[in-house]
All heavy atoms as atom14 arrays in JSON, in Angstrom:
{
  "sequence": "EQLKEQDTIELDNLTNETRSLSNSLKDRIKGLEGSPPGPDA",
  "atom14_mask": [
    [1, 1, 1, 1, 1, 1, 1, 1, 1, 0, 0, 0, 0, 0],
    [1, 1, 1, 1, 1, 1, 1, 1, 1, 0, 0, 0, 0, 0],
    [1, 1, 1, 1, 1, 1, 1, 1, 0, 0, 0, 0, 0, 0],
    [1, 1, 1, 1, 1, 1, 1, 1, 1, 0, 0, 0, 0, 0],
    [1, 1, 1, 1, 1, 1, 1, 1, 1, 0, 0, 0, 0, 0],
    [1, 1, 1, 1, 1, 1, 1, 1, 1, 0, 0, 0, 0, 0],
    [1, 1, 1, 1, 1, 1, 1, 1, 0, 0, 0, 0, 0, 0],
    [1, 1, 1, 1, 1, 1, 1, 0, 0, 0, 0, 0, 0, 0],
    [1, 1, 1, 1, 1, 1, 1, 1, 0, 0, 0, 0, 0, 0],
    [1, 1, 1, 1, 1, 1, 1, 1, 1, 0, 0, 0, 0, 0],
    [1, 1, 1, 1, 1, 1, 1, 1, 0, 0, 0, 0, 0, 0],
    [1, 1, 1, 1, 1, 1, 1, 1, 0, 0, 0, 0, 0, 0],
    [1, 1, 1, 1, 1, 1, 1, 1, 0, 0, 0, 0, 0, 0],
    [1, 1, 1, 1, 1, 1, 1, 1, 0, 0, 0, 0, 0, 0],
    [1, 1, 1, 1, 1, 1, 1, 0, 0, 0, 0, 0, 0, 0],
    [1, 1, 1, 1, 1, 1, 1, 1, 0, 0, 0, 0, 0, 0],
    [1, 1, 1, 1, 1, 1, 1, 1, 1, 0, 0, 0, 0, 0],
    [1, 1, 1, 1, 1, 1, 1, 0, 0, 0, 0, 0, 0, 0],
    [1, 1, 1, 1, 1, 1, 1, 1, 1, 1, 1, 0, 0, 0],
    [1, 1, 1, 1, 1, 1, 0, 0, 0, 0, 0, 0, 0, 0],
    [1, 1, 1, 1, 1, 1, 1, 1, 0, 0, 0, 0, 0, 0],
    [1, 1, 1, 1, 1, 1, 0, 0, 0, 0, 0, 0, 0, 0],
    [1, 1, 1, 1, 1, 1, 1, 1, 0, 0, 0, 0, 0, 0],
    [1, 1, 1, 1, 1, 1, 0, 0, 0, 0, 0, 0, 0, 0],
    [1, 1, 1, 1, 1, 1, 1, 1, 0, 0, 0, 0, 0, 0],
    [1, 1, 1, 1, 1, 1, 1, 1, 1, 0, 0, 0, 0, 0],
    [1, 1, 1, 1, 1, 1, 1, 1, 0, 0, 0, 0, 0, 0],
    [1, 1, 1, 1, 1, 1, 1, 1, 1, 1, 1, 0, 0, 0],
    [1, 1, 1, 1, 1, 1, 1, 1, 0, 0, 0, 0, 0, 0],
    [1, 1, 1, 1, 1, 1, 1, 1, 1, 0, 0, 0, 0, 0],
    [1, 1, 1, 1, 0, 0, 0, 0, 0, 0, 0, 0, 0, 0],
    [1, 1, 1, 1, 1, 1, 1, 1, 0, 0, 0, 0, 0, 0],
    [1, 1, 1, 1, 1, 1, 1, 1, 1, 0, 0, 0, 0, 0],
    [1, 1, 1, 1, 0, 0, 0, 0, 0, 0, 0, 0, 0, 0],
    [1, 1, 1, 1, 1, 1, 0, 0, 0, 0, 0, 0, 0, 0],
    [1, 1, 1, 1, 1, 1, 1, 0, 0, 0, 0, 0, 0, 0],
    [1, 1, 1, 1, 1, 1, 1, 0, 0, 0, 0, 0, 0, 0],
    [1, 1, 1, 1, 0, 0, 0, 0, 0, 0, 0, 0, 0, 0],
    [1, 1, 1, 1, 1, 1, 1, 0, 0, 0, 0, 0, 0, 0],
    [1, 1, 1, 1, 1, 1, 1, 1, 0, 0, 0, 0, 0, 0],
    [1, 1, 1, 1, 1, 0, 0, 0, 0, 0, 0, 0, 0, 0]
  ],
  "atom14_positions": [
    [[19.25, 60.44, 58.13], [18.18, 60.66, 59.1], [16.81, 60.35, 58.53], [15.93, 59.83, 59.23], [18.23, 62.1, 59.61], [19.4, 62.41, 60.51], [19.39, 61.56, 61.78], [18.28, 61.29, 62.3], [20.48, 61.17, 62.23], [0.0, 0.0, 0.0], [0.0, 0.0, 0.0], [0.0, 0.0, 0.0], [0.0, 0.0, 0.0], [0.0, 0.0, 0.0]],
    [[16.6, 60.67, 57.26], [15.3, 60.41, 56.65], [15.04, 58.91, 56.53], [13.93, 58.43, 56.84], [15.22, 61.06, 55.26], [13.84, 60.95, 54.61], [13.77, 61.7, 53.3], [14.72, 62.35, 52.88], [12.62, 61.62, 52.63], [0.0, 0.0, 0.0], [0.0, 0.0, 0.0], [0.0, 0.0, 0.0], [0.0, 0.0, 0.0], [0.0, 0.0, 0.0]],
    [[16.05, 58.17, 56.1], [15.91, 56.72, 56.01], [15.72, 56.1, 57.39], [14.93, 55.16, 57.56], [17.14, 56.11, 55.34], [17.31, 56.36, 53.85], [18.62, 55.75, 53.35], [16.13, 55.77, 53.07], [0.0, 0.0, 0.0], [0.0, 0.0, 0.0], [0.0, 0.0, 0.0], [0.0, 0.0, 0.0], [0.0, 0.0, 0.0], [0.0, 0.0, 0.0]],
    [[16.43, 56.65, 58.37], [16.3, 56.15, 59.73], [14.87, 56.34, 60.24], [14.29, 55.44, 60.87], [17.29, 56.87, 60.65], [17.32, 56.31, 62.08], [18.25, 57.12, 62.96], [19.7, 56.97, 62.52], [20.63, 57.65, 63.46], [0.0, 0.0, 0.0], [0.0, 0.0, 0.0], [0.0, 0.0, 0.0], [0.0, 0.0, 0.0], [0.0, 0.0, 0.0]],
    [[14.29, 57.5, 59.97], [12.92, 57.78, 60.4], [11.93, 56.85, 59.7], [11.01, 56.32, 60.34], [12.56, 59.24, 60.1], [11.17, 59.62, 60.59], [10.85, 61.08, 60.31], [11.73, 61.8, 59.78], [9.72, 61.5, 60.61], [0.0, 0.0, 0.0], [0.0, 0.0, 0.0], [0.0, 0.0, 0.0], [0.0, 0.0, 0.0], [0.0, 0.0, 0.0]],
    [[12.13, 56.62, 58.4], [11.24, 55.73, 57.65], [11.31, 54.3, 58.18], [10.29, 53.63, 58.36], [11.61, 55.76, 56.16], [11.29, 57.07, 55.47], [11.81, 57.11, 54.03], [12.48, 56.19, 53.58], [11.5, 58.17, 53.31], [0.0, 0.0, 0.0], [0.0, 0.0, 0.0], [0.0, 0.0, 0.0], [0.0, 0.0, 0.0], [0.0, 0.0, 0.0]],
    [[12.54, 53.84, 58.45], [12.71, 52.48, 58.96], [12.11, 52.34, 60.36], [11.53, 51.29, 60.7], [14.2, 52.12, 59.01], [14.77, 51.84, 57.63], [13.97, 51.68, 56.69], [16.0, 51.78, 57.49], [0.0, 0.0, 0.0], [0.0, 0.0, 0.0], [0.0, 0.0, 0.0], [0.0, 0.0, 0.0], [0.0, 0.0, 0.0], [0.0, 0.0, 0.0]],
    [[12.23, 53.38, 61.17], [11.68, 53.34, 62.52], [10.16, 53.25, 62.49], [9.55, 52.47, 63.24], [12.1, 54.59, 63.32], [13.53, 54.63, 63.4], [11.52, 54.56, 64.72], [0.0, 0.0, 0.0], [0.0, 0.0, 0.0], [0.0, 0.0, 0.0], [0.0, 0.0, 0.0], [0.0, 0.0, 0.0], [0.0, 0.0, 0.0], [0.0, 0.0, 0.0]],
    [[9.55, 54.02, 61.6], [8.08, 53.98, 61.45], [7.64, 52.6, 60.97], [6.67, 52.02, 61.49], [7.6, 55.08, 60.48], [7.82, 56.46, 61.09], [6.12, 54.88, 60.14], [7.54, 57.61, 60.13], [0.0, 0.0, 0.0], [0.0, 0.0, 0.0], [0.0, 0.0, 0.0], [0.0, 0.0, 0.0], [0.0, 0.0, 0.0], [0.0, 0.0, 0.0]],
    [[8.35, 52.06, 59.98], [8.0, 50.73, 59.46], [8.17, 49.67, 60.53], [7.33, 48.75, 60.67], [8.86, 50.39, 58.25], [8.48, 49.07, 57.59], [9.33, 48.74, 56.37], [10.2, 49.56, 56.0], [9.11, 47.66, 55.78], [0.0, 0.0, 0.0], [0.0, 0.0, 0.0], [0.0, 0.0, 0.0], [0.0, 0.0, 0.0], [0.0, 0.0, 0.0]],
    [[9.24, 49.78, 61.32], [9.48, 48.82, 62.4], [8.37, 48.88, 63.43], [7.87, 47.84, 63.88], [10.83, 49.11, 63.05], [11.21, 48.24, 64.26], [11.28, 46.77, 63.86], [12.54, 48.7, 64.85], [0.0, 0.0, 0.0], [0.0, 0.0, 0.0], [0.0, 0.0, 0.0], [0.0, 0.0, 0.0], [0.0, 0.0, 0.0], [0.0, 0.0, 0.0]],
    [[7.98, 50.08, 63.83], [6.9, 50.23, 64.81], [5.59, 49.64, 64.29], [4.86, 48.96, 65.02], [6.7, 51.71, 65.16], [7.84, 52.28, 65.99], [8.62, 51.49, 66.55], [7.96, 53.52, 66.07], [0.0, 0.0, 0.0], [0.0, 0.0, 0.0], [0.0, 0.0, 0.0], [0.0, 0.0, 0.0], [0.0, 0.0, 0.0], [0.0, 0.0, 0.0]],
    [[5.29, 49.91, 63.02], [4.05, 49.39, 62.43], [4.05, 47.86, 62.38], [3.04, 47.22, 62.71], [3.85, 49.96, 61.02], [3.5, 51.44, 61.02], [3.02, 51.97, 62.01], [3.75, 52.11, 59.9], [0.0, 0.0, 0.0], [0.0, 0.0, 0.0], [0.0, 0.0, 0.0], [0.0, 0.0, 0.0], [0.0, 0.0, 0.0], [0.0, 0.0, 0.0]],
    [[5.18, 47.3, 61.97], [5.28, 45.84, 61.9], [5.19, 45.21, 63.28], [4.55, 44.17, 63.47], [6.6, 45.43, 61.24], [6.62, 45.36, 59.71], [8.04, 45.15, 59.22], [5.71, 44.25, 59.21], [0.0, 0.0, 0.0], [0.0, 0.0, 0.0], [0.0, 0.0, 0.0], [0.0, 0.0, 0.0], [0.0, 0.0, 0.0], [0.0, 0.0, 0.0]],
    [[5.83, 45.84, 64.26], [5.8, 45.32, 65.63], [4.38, 45.34, 66.18], [3.92, 44.37, 66.8], [6.74, 46.14, 66.54], [8.08, 46.08, 66.03], [6.72, 45.61, 67.96], [0.0, 0.0, 0.0], [0.0, 0.0, 0.0], [0.0, 0.0, 0.0], [0.0, 0.0, 0.0], [0.0, 0.0, 0.0], [0.0, 0.0, 0.0], [0.0, 0.0, 0.0]],
    [[3.68, 46.45, 65.98], [2.3, 46.56, 66.46], [1.38, 45.56, 65.76], [0.53, 44.93, 66.4], [1.78, 47.98, 66.25], [2.46, 49.0, 67.14], [2.93, 48.66, 68.23], [2.53, 50.24, 66.7], [0.0, 0.0, 0.0], [0.0, 0.0, 0.0], [0.0, 0.0, 0.0], [0.0, 0.0, 0.0], [0.0, 0.0, 0.0], [0.0, 0.0, 0.0]],
    [[1.57, 45.42, 64.44], [0.74, 44.46, 63.69], [0.98, 43.04, 64.18], [0.04, 42.26, 64.37], [1.07, 44.56, 62.2], [0.32, 43.54, 61.35], [0.84, 43.44, 59.92], [1.36, 44.46, 59.41], [0.75, 42.35, 59.34], [0.0, 0.0, 0.0], [0.0, 0.0, 0.0], [0.0, 0.0, 0.0], [0.0, 0.0, 0.0], [0.0, 0.0, 0.0]],
    [[2.24, 42.69, 64.4], [2.59, 41.34, 64.82], [2.08, 41.06, 66.24], [1.62, 39.95, 66.53], [4.11, 41.12, 64.75], [4.58, 41.48, 63.44], [4.48, 39.68, 65.03], [0.0, 0.0, 0.0], [0.0, 0.0, 0.0], [0.0, 0.0, 0.0], [0.0, 0.0, 0.0], [0.0, 0.0, 0.0], [0.0, 0.0, 0.0], [0.0, 0.0, 0.0]],
    [[2.15, 42.05, 67.1], [1.63, 41.89, 68.46], [0.12, 41.64, 68.42], [-0.39, 40.72, 69.08], [1.93, 43.12, 69.3], [1.41, 43.01, 70.75], [1.54, 44.31, 71.51], [2.91, 44.77, 71.56], [3.35, 45.92, 71.06], [2.51, 46.74, 70.45], [4.61, 46.25, 71.15], [0.0, 0.0, 0.0], [0.0, 0.0, 0.0], [0.0, 0.0, 0.0]],
    [[-0.6, 42.45, 67.65], [-2.05, 42.3, 67.55], [-2.42, 40.95, 66.94], [-3.34, 40.26, 67.43], [-2.62, 43.44, 66.7], [-4.01, 43.29, 66.51], [0.0, 0.0, 0.0], [0.0, 0.0, 0.0], [0.0, 0.0, 0.0], [0.0, 0.0, 0.0], [0.0, 0.0, 0.0], [0.0, 0.0, 0.0], [0.0, 0.0, 0.0], [0.0, 0.0, 0.0]],
    [[-1.71, 40.55, 65.89], [-1.98, 39.28, 65.23], [-1.7, 38.11, 66.17], [-2.49, 37.14, 66.23], [-1.13, 39.16, 63.97], [-1.26, 37.87, 63.16], [-2.7, 37.64, 62.73], [-0.34, 37.93, 61.93], [0.0, 0.0, 0.0], [0.0, 0.0, 0.0], [0.0, 0.0, 0.0], [0.0, 0.0, 0.0], [0.0, 0.0, 0.0], [0.0, 0.0, 0.0]],
    [[-0.62, 38.19, 66.93], [-0.27, 37.11, 67.86], [-1.33, 36.93, 68.93], [-1.74, 35.81, 69.27], [1.09, 37.38, 68.51], [2.12, 37.44, 67.54], [0.0, 0.0, 0.0], [0.0, 0.0, 0.0], [0.0, 0.0, 0.0], [0.0, 0.0, 0.0], [0.0, 0.0, 0.0], [0.0, 0.0, 0.0], [0.0, 0.0, 0.0], [0.0, 0.0, 0.0]],
    [[-1.8, 38.04, 69.48], [-2.86, 37.97, 70.5], [-4.13, 37.37, 69.93], [-4.83, 36.58, 70.59], [-3.13, 39.36, 71.07], [-2.03, 39.84, 71.99], [-1.42, 39.05, 72.71], [-1.75, 41.13, 71.98], [0.0, 0.0, 0.0], [0.0, 0.0, 0.0], [0.0, 0.0, 0.0], [0.0, 0.0, 0.0], [0.0, 0.0, 0.0], [0.0, 0.0, 0.0]],
    [[-4.46, 37.76, 68.69], [-5.67, 37.24, 68.04], [-5.56, 35.74, 67.8], [-6.5, 34.98, 68.07], [-5.9, 37.97, 66.72], [-6.97, 37.39, 66.0], [0.0, 0.0, 0.0], [0.0, 0.0, 0.0], [0.0, 0.0, 0.0], [0.0, 0.0, 0.0], [0.0, 0.0, 0.0], [0.0, 0.0, 0.0], [0.0, 0.0, 0.0], [0.0, 0.0, 0.0]],
    [[-4.4, 35.29, 67.32], [-4.21, 33.86, 67.06], [-4.26, 33.05, 68.35], [-4.8, 31.94, 68.36], [-2.88, 33.62, 66.34], [-2.76, 34.17, 64.92], [-1.41, 33.8, 64.32], [-3.89, 33.67, 64.03], [0.0, 0.0, 0.0], [0.0, 0.0, 0.0], [0.0, 0.0, 0.0], [0.0, 0.0, 0.0], [0.0, 0.0, 0.0], [0.0, 0.0, 0.0]],
    [[-3.71, 33.6, 69.41], [-3.77, 32.9, 70.7], [-5.22, 32.65, 71.09], [-5.6, 31.54, 71.49], [-3.08, 33.73, 71.78], [-3.1, 33.09, 73.17], [-2.93, 34.11, 74.28], [-4.19, 34.94, 74.44], [-4.13, 35.84, 75.62], [0.0, 0.0, 0.0], [0.0, 0.0, 0.0], [0.0, 0.0, 0.0], [0.0, 0.0, 0.0], [0.0, 0.0, 0.0]],
    [[-6.06, 33.67, 70.98], [-7.48, 33.54, 71.36], [-8.21, 32.55, 70.45], [-9.06, 31.79, 70.89], [-8.16, 34.9, 71.31], [-7.66, 35.85, 72.4], [-7.14, 35.36, 73.42], [-7.79, 37.08, 72.22], [0.0, 0.0, 0.0], [0.0, 0.0, 0.0], [0.0, 0.0, 0.0], [0.0, 0.0, 0.0], [0.0, 0.0, 0.0], [0.0, 0.0, 0.0]],
    [[-7.86, 32.57, 69.16], [-8.53, 31.67, 68.21], [-8.12, 30.21, 68.43], [-8.96, 29.3, 68.33], [-8.22, 32.11, 66.78], [-8.91, 33.43, 66.42], [-8.37, 34.03, 65.15], [-8.69, 33.22, 63.99], [-8.26, 33.5, 62.76], [-7.49, 34.57, 62.55], [-8.59, 32.73, 61.74], [0.0, 0.0, 0.0], [0.0, 0.0, 0.0], [0.0, 0.0, 0.0]],
    [[-6.86, 29.98, 68.77], [-6.42, 28.62, 69.09], [-7.08, 28.16, 70.37], [-7.51, 27.0, 70.49], [-4.88, 28.56, 69.2], [-4.24, 28.79, 67.83], [-4.43, 27.22, 69.76], [-2.73, 28.94, 67.85], [0.0, 0.0, 0.0], [0.0, 0.0, 0.0], [0.0, 0.0, 0.0], [0.0, 0.0, 0.0], [0.0, 0.0, 0.0], [0.0, 0.0, 0.0]],
    [[-7.21, 29.07, 71.31], [-7.91, 28.75, 72.56], [-9.35, 28.35, 72.26], [-9.89, 27.44, 72.88], [-7.87, 29.96, 73.49], [-8.55, 29.74, 74.84], [-8.43, 30.97, 75.7], [-9.13, 30.76, 77.05], [-9.04, 31.97, 77.9], [0.0, 0.0, 0.0], [0.0, 0.0, 0.0], [0.0, 0.0, 0.0], [0.0, 0.0, 0.0], [0.0, 0.0, 0.0]],
    [[-9.98, 29.04, 71.31], [-11.34, 28.7, 70.93], [-11.44, 27.31, 70.33], [-12.38, 26.56, 70.61], [0.0, 0.0, 0.0], [0.0, 0.0, 0.0], [0.0, 0.0, 0.0], [0.0, 0.0, 0.0], [0.0, 0.0, 0.0], [0.0, 0.0, 0.0], [0.0, 0.0, 0.0], [0.0, 0.0, 0.0], [0.0, 0.0, 0.0], [0.0, 0.0, 0.0]],
    [[-10.47, 26.93, 69.5], [-10.46, 25.59, 68.92], [-10.27, 24.52, 70.0], [-10.88, 23.45, 69.94], [-9.34, 25.46, 67.88], [-9.52, 26.23, 66.57], [-8.31, 25.99, 65.66], [-10.79, 25.82, 65.85], [0.0, 0.0, 0.0], [0.0, 0.0, 0.0], [0.0, 0.0, 0.0], [0.0, 0.0, 0.0], [0.0, 0.0, 0.0], [0.0, 0.0, 0.0]],
    [[-9.44, 24.82, 70.98], [-9.18, 23.84, 72.03], [-10.37, 23.68, 72.96], [-10.47, 22.7, 73.69], [-7.93, 24.24, 72.82], [-6.67, 24.14, 71.99], [-5.41, 24.41, 72.77], [-5.45, 25.2, 73.71], [-4.37, 23.82, 72.42], [0.0, 0.0, 0.0], [0.0, 0.0, 0.0], [0.0, 0.0, 0.0], [0.0, 0.0, 0.0], [0.0, 0.0, 0.0]],
    [[-11.29, 24.65, 72.92], [-12.49, 24.56, 73.74], [-13.67, 23.99, 72.99], [-14.81, 24.08, 73.45], [0.0, 0.0, 0.0], [0.0, 0.0, 0.0], [0.0, 0.0, 0.0], [0.0, 0.0, 0.0], [0.0, 0.0, 0.0], [0.0, 0.0, 0.0], [0.0, 0.0, 0.0], [0.0, 0.0, 0.0], [0.0, 0.0, 0.0], [0.0, 0.0, 0.0]],
    [[-13.44, 23.39, 71.8], [-14.52, 22.82, 71.01], [-15.2, 21.69, 71.77], [-14.54, 20.91, 72.48], [-13.99, 22.28, 69.67], [-13.42, 23.33, 68.91], [0.0, 0.0, 0.0], [0.0, 0.0, 0.0], [0.0, 0.0, 0.0], [0.0, 0.0, 0.0], [0.0, 0.0, 0.0], [0.0, 0.0, 0.0], [0.0, 0.0, 0.0], [0.0, 0.0, 0.0]],
    [[-16.53, 21.55, 71.65], [-17.26, 20.48, 72.36], [-16.86, 19.12, 71.82], [-16.45, 18.98, 70.66], [-18.73, 20.8, 72.06], [-18.71, 21.59, 70.79], [-17.43, 22.39, 70.84], [0.0, 0.0, 0.0], [0.0, 0.0, 0.0], [0.0, 0.0, 0.0], [0.0, 0.0, 0.0], [0.0, 0.0, 0.0], [0.0, 0.0, 0.0], [0.0, 0.0, 0.0]],
    [[-16.97, 18.06, 72.64], [-16.62, 16.71, 72.19], [-17.58, 16.24, 71.1], [-18.72, 16.7, 71.0], [-16.76, 15.86, 73.46], [-17.71, 16.64, 74.33], [-17.44, 18.09, 74.04], [0.0, 0.0, 0.0], [0.0, 0.0, 0.0], [0.0, 0.0, 0.0], [0.0, 0.0, 0.0], [0.0, 0.0, 0.0], [0.0, 0.0, 0.0], [0.0, 0.0, 0.0]],
    [[-17.12, 15.33, 70.28], [-17.92, 14.8, 69.2], [-17.21, 13.66, 68.52], [-16.13, 13.23, 68.96], [0.0, 0.0, 0.0], [0.0, 0.0, 0.0], [0.0, 0.0, 0.0], [0.0, 0.0, 0.0], [0.0, 0.0, 0.0], [0.0, 0.0, 0.0], [0.0, 0.0, 0.0], [0.0, 0.0, 0.0], [0.0, 0.0, 0.0], [0.0, 0.0, 0.0]],
    [[-17.78, 13.14, 67.43], [-17.17, 11.99, 66.76], [-15.78, 12.28, 66.19], [-14.99, 11.36, 66.0], [-18.17, 11.67, 65.63], [-18.94, 12.94, 65.42], [-19.03, 13.58, 66.77], [0.0, 0.0, 0.0], [0.0, 0.0, 0.0], [0.0, 0.0, 0.0], [0.0, 0.0, 0.0], [0.0, 0.0, 0.0], [0.0, 0.0, 0.0], [0.0, 0.0, 0.0]],
    [[-15.49, 13.54, 65.92], [-14.19, 13.9, 65.35], [-13.3, 14.61, 66.38], [-12.35, 15.31, 65.99], [-14.39, 14.81, 64.14], [-15.25, 14.17, 63.06], [-14.85, 13.08, 62.6], [-16.29, 14.74, 62.69], [0.0, 0.0, 0.0], [0.0, 0.0, 0.0], [0.0, 0.0, 0.0], [0.0, 0.0, 0.0], [0.0, 0.0, 0.0], [0.0, 0.0, 0.0]],
    [[-13.6, 14.43, 67.65], [-12.89, 15.17, 68.71], [-11.39, 14.89, 68.7], [-10.58, 15.81, 68.83], [-13.49, 14.84, 70.07], [0.0, 0.0, 0.0], [0.0, 0.0, 0.0], [0.0, 0.0, 0.0], [0.0, 0.0, 0.0], [0.0, 0.0, 0.0], [0.0, 0.0, 0.0], [0.0, 0.0, 0.0], [0.0, 0.0, 0.0], [0.0, 0.0, 0.0]]
  ]
}
């Protein structure tokens, strides 16, 4: 039971971190795709 509780907490933390990171990366890629035109467009 103790190991199960530890693994559950670690799983929840990793899932939350990955969700937050994924949302952040989506917005940052969106920002790159909205870059103004230029010589290196």
